[in-house]
N, C-alpha and C. Protein backbone atom coordinates (compact mmCIF):
# COMPACT_ATOMS: atom_id res chain seq x y z
N MET A 1 -82.34 140.28 72.88
CA MET A 1 -81.19 139.37 73.28
C MET A 1 -81.56 138.76 72.00
N ARG A 2 -79.77 139.61 71.19
CA ARG A 2 -79.21 139.26 70.08
C ARG A 2 -78.98 138.58 68.86
N ARG A 3 -77.75 137.39 70.04
CA ARG A 3 -77.53 136.36 69.56
C ARG A 3 -77.00 135.15 70.59
N VAL A 4 -77.09 133.85 70.36
CA VAL A 4 -76.89 133.09 71.60
C VAL A 4 -75.53 132.58 71.54
N VAL A 5 -74.88 132.22 72.19
CA VAL A 5 -73.09 131.38 71.83
C VAL A 5 -72.58 129.82 71.94
N PHE A 6 -72.97 129.23 71.97
CA PHE A 6 -72.71 128.05 71.83
C PHE A 6 -71.61 127.25 72.29
N VAL A 7 -71.03 126.88 73.75
CA VAL A 7 -70.04 126.31 74.23
C VAL A 7 -69.83 125.18 74.26
N LYS A 8 -68.54 124.52 73.37
CA LYS A 8 -68.58 122.78 73.36
C LYS A 8 -67.93 122.63 74.09
N THR A 9 -66.73 122.02 74.55
CA THR A 9 -66.27 120.73 74.96
C THR A 9 -65.94 120.30 74.91
N VAL A 10 -65.24 119.59 73.88
CA VAL A 10 -64.52 117.61 74.00
C VAL A 10 -63.11 117.48 73.83
N ARG A 11 -62.93 116.76 74.93
CA ARG A 11 -61.31 115.96 75.03
C ARG A 11 -60.03 117.64 74.78
N LEU A 12 -60.04 118.02 76.30
CA LEU A 12 -60.00 120.01 76.08
C LEU A 12 -59.80 120.39 74.63
N ARG A 13 -60.97 119.82 74.27
CA ARG A 13 -60.60 121.16 73.05
C ARG A 13 -62.30 122.22 72.83
N THR A 14 -61.97 122.87 73.18
CA THR A 14 -63.81 124.34 73.32
C THR A 14 -63.37 124.95 72.02
N THR A 15 -64.97 124.46 71.50
CA THR A 15 -64.75 124.91 70.13
C THR A 15 -66.74 125.83 71.17
N ALA A 16 -66.56 127.25 69.65
CA ALA A 16 -68.05 128.29 69.59
C ALA A 16 -68.55 128.39 68.74
N GLN A 17 -70.15 128.46 68.27
CA GLN A 17 -70.60 128.36 66.99
C GLN A 17 -71.71 130.51 68.18
N VAL A 18 -72.03 130.69 66.94
CA VAL A 18 -73.09 132.40 67.35
C VAL A 18 -73.38 131.78 66.87
N MET A 19 -75.09 132.28 66.95
CA MET A 19 -76.07 132.12 66.62
C MET A 19 -76.58 133.61 66.86
N GLU A 20 -77.29 134.16 65.50
CA GLU A 20 -77.79 135.47 65.32
C GLU A 20 -79.26 135.10 65.64
N LEU A 21 -79.48 136.28 66.29
CA LEU A 21 -81.40 136.23 66.38
C LEU A 21 -81.81 136.83 65.69
N THR A 22 -82.72 136.68 64.90
CA THR A 22 -83.99 138.25 65.04
C THR A 22 -84.51 138.79 65.90
N GLU A 23 -85.29 139.85 66.17
CA GLU A 23 -85.88 140.38 67.07
C GLU A 23 -87.13 139.45 67.81
N ALA A 24 -88.12 139.11 66.85
CA ALA A 24 -88.72 137.61 67.65
C ALA A 24 -88.77 136.36 68.06
N GLU A 25 -87.13 136.16 67.32
CA GLU A 25 -86.25 135.43 67.65
C GLU A 25 -86.09 135.20 69.30
N GLY A 26 -85.62 136.68 69.89
CA GLY A 26 -84.69 137.11 70.81
C GLY A 26 -86.02 137.30 72.23
N ARG A 27 -87.07 138.43 71.91
CA ARG A 27 -88.26 138.61 72.53
C ARG A 27 -88.88 136.76 73.05
N PHE A 28 -88.76 135.98 72.02
CA PHE A 28 -89.58 134.54 72.31
C PHE A 28 -88.52 134.10 72.96
N LEU A 29 -87.19 133.90 73.10
CA LEU A 29 -86.36 133.09 74.00
C LEU A 29 -86.51 134.25 75.39
N TRP A 30 -86.73 135.04 75.42
CA TRP A 30 -86.86 136.47 76.85
C TRP A 30 -88.09 135.75 77.41
N HIS A 31 -88.97 135.35 76.71
CA HIS A 31 -90.58 135.15 77.50
C HIS A 31 -90.48 133.21 77.60
N LEU A 32 -90.04 132.58 77.65
CA LEU A 32 -89.66 131.22 78.08
C LEU A 32 -89.48 131.20 79.80
N PRO A 33 -90.50 130.02 79.85
CA PRO A 33 -90.66 130.02 81.32
C PRO A 33 -89.14 129.26 81.76
N PHE A 34 -88.75 129.62 82.99
CA PHE A 34 -87.17 128.95 83.02
C PHE A 34 -87.65 126.88 83.28
N ALA A 35 -87.05 126.07 83.54
CA ALA A 35 -86.79 125.17 84.13
C ALA A 35 -88.07 124.89 85.31
N SER A 36 -88.14 126.03 85.91
CA SER A 36 -88.63 125.38 87.59
C SER A 36 -89.77 125.64 87.11
N GLU A 37 -90.58 126.71 86.03
CA GLU A 37 -91.65 126.70 86.23
C GLU A 37 -92.47 126.30 85.34
N GLN A 38 -93.89 125.96 85.19
CA GLN A 38 -94.90 125.35 83.91
C GLN A 38 -94.73 125.06 82.66
N ALA A 39 -94.12 124.46 82.34
CA ALA A 39 -94.70 124.53 81.10
C ALA A 39 -95.47 125.59 80.10
N ALA A 40 -94.75 126.15 78.63
CA ALA A 40 -95.89 126.72 78.10
C ALA A 40 -95.69 126.30 76.23
N SER A 41 -96.65 125.88 75.57
CA SER A 41 -97.08 126.39 74.78
C SER A 41 -96.61 127.04 74.07
N VAL A 42 -95.97 127.68 72.34
CA VAL A 42 -95.16 128.27 72.32
C VAL A 42 -96.47 129.13 71.92
N ALA A 43 -97.59 129.64 71.15
CA ALA A 43 -98.36 130.09 71.79
C ALA A 43 -98.45 131.31 72.16
N GLU A 44 -98.76 130.38 74.08
CA GLU A 44 -98.54 131.05 75.22
C GLU A 44 -97.13 131.95 74.87
N VAL A 45 -96.35 131.54 74.99
CA VAL A 45 -94.85 132.27 74.86
C VAL A 45 -95.38 134.06 74.22
N CYS A 46 -94.97 133.46 72.86
CA CYS A 46 -95.36 134.31 72.10
C CYS A 46 -96.79 135.73 72.65
N ARG A 47 -97.53 134.89 72.77
CA ARG A 47 -98.47 135.97 73.70
C ARG A 47 -97.89 137.27 74.76
N ARG A 48 -97.61 136.47 75.44
CA ARG A 48 -96.36 137.49 76.22
C ARG A 48 -95.50 137.75 75.65
N ALA A 49 -95.14 137.31 74.62
CA ALA A 49 -93.68 138.29 73.78
C ALA A 49 -94.42 139.18 72.83
N LYS A 50 -95.85 138.78 73.01
CA LYS A 50 -96.65 139.89 72.03
C LYS A 50 -96.24 139.84 70.36
N ILE A 51 -95.84 138.84 69.65
CA ILE A 51 -94.41 138.22 68.60
C ILE A 51 -96.29 138.21 68.19
N GLU A 52 -97.62 138.34 67.68
CA GLU A 52 -98.82 138.03 66.31
C GLU A 52 -98.91 137.94 65.00
N ASN A 53 -97.55 138.23 64.89
CA ASN A 53 -97.16 138.44 63.01
C ASN A 53 -97.44 136.83 62.53
N PRO A 54 -98.14 136.52 62.36
CA PRO A 54 -98.32 134.75 61.37
C PRO A 54 -97.08 134.58 60.90
N ILE A 55 -95.96 135.07 60.08
CA ILE A 55 -95.01 135.00 59.83
C ILE A 55 -94.17 134.14 60.60
N HIS A 56 -93.83 135.03 61.88
CA HIS A 56 -93.14 135.27 62.76
C HIS A 56 -93.07 134.22 63.92
N VAL A 57 -94.20 133.61 63.59
CA VAL A 57 -94.80 132.65 64.61
C VAL A 57 -94.78 131.21 63.68
N SER A 58 -94.52 131.65 62.38
CA SER A 58 -93.73 129.81 61.72
C SER A 58 -92.75 129.82 62.10
N LYS A 59 -92.33 130.76 61.49
CA LYS A 59 -90.96 131.08 61.99
C LYS A 59 -89.84 130.44 63.14
N LEU A 60 -90.56 130.57 64.22
CA LEU A 60 -90.71 130.61 65.59
C LEU A 60 -90.07 128.64 65.97
N LEU A 61 -91.84 128.47 64.82
CA LEU A 61 -90.89 127.28 65.24
C LEU A 61 -90.87 126.14 64.77
N ASP A 62 -90.30 126.54 63.57
CA ASP A 62 -88.57 125.38 63.06
C ASP A 62 -87.06 126.18 63.36
N PHE A 63 -88.13 127.48 64.53
CA PHE A 63 -86.28 128.23 65.69
C PHE A 63 -87.08 127.06 66.97
N VAL A 64 -87.61 126.98 67.41
CA VAL A 64 -87.50 125.63 67.96
C VAL A 64 -86.97 124.57 67.96
N LYS A 65 -87.86 124.37 67.08
CA LYS A 65 -87.22 122.10 66.52
C LYS A 65 -85.88 122.87 66.02
N GLU A 66 -85.28 123.72 66.02
CA GLU A 66 -83.54 123.58 65.49
C GLU A 66 -82.98 123.94 67.01
N MET A 67 -83.30 124.52 67.86
CA MET A 67 -83.32 124.07 69.75
C MET A 67 -83.02 123.32 70.10
N GLU A 68 -84.32 122.92 70.05
CA GLU A 68 -84.54 121.15 70.86
C GLU A 68 -83.59 120.59 70.43
N SER A 69 -83.10 120.29 69.27
CA SER A 69 -81.91 119.14 68.12
C SER A 69 -80.83 119.86 69.07
N ARG A 70 -80.75 121.19 69.13
CA ARG A 70 -79.17 121.56 69.77
C ARG A 70 -79.66 121.39 71.71
N GLY A 71 -80.54 120.87 72.00
CA GLY A 71 -80.63 120.67 73.07
C GLY A 71 -80.31 121.57 74.33
N VAL A 72 -81.17 123.30 73.42
CA VAL A 72 -81.14 124.83 74.59
C VAL A 72 -82.24 124.60 75.52
N VAL A 73 -83.79 123.85 74.89
CA VAL A 73 -84.54 123.65 74.99
C VAL A 73 -85.55 122.36 75.22
N GLU A 74 -86.19 122.02 75.95
CA GLU A 74 -86.80 120.69 75.86
C GLU A 74 -88.63 121.17 75.52
N VAL A 75 -89.41 120.43 74.91
CA VAL A 75 -90.23 119.87 73.91
C VAL A 75 -90.97 119.81 75.29
N VAL A 76 -92.21 119.88 75.19
CA VAL A 76 -93.50 118.97 76.51
C VAL A 76 -93.96 118.90 75.45
N ARG A 77 -94.46 117.32 75.12
CA ARG A 77 -95.53 116.66 74.03
C ARG A 77 -96.99 116.34 74.84
């Protein structure tokens, strides 16, 4: 996955925003569990996606916060 498109419709007007992804972000999103599956920690998703670099993991935590603010992912605490 290399980009995400957010489409929003408000009062008959549709807007789209494109977000370019890094390789690590794309692999992370690809390995996220479906809503019907049990929640997984960021660390577990990183292990599944074979993301081990601490710098990438740190950036992914910021990425998850941004995706949560956009309503794309649900964070279970």
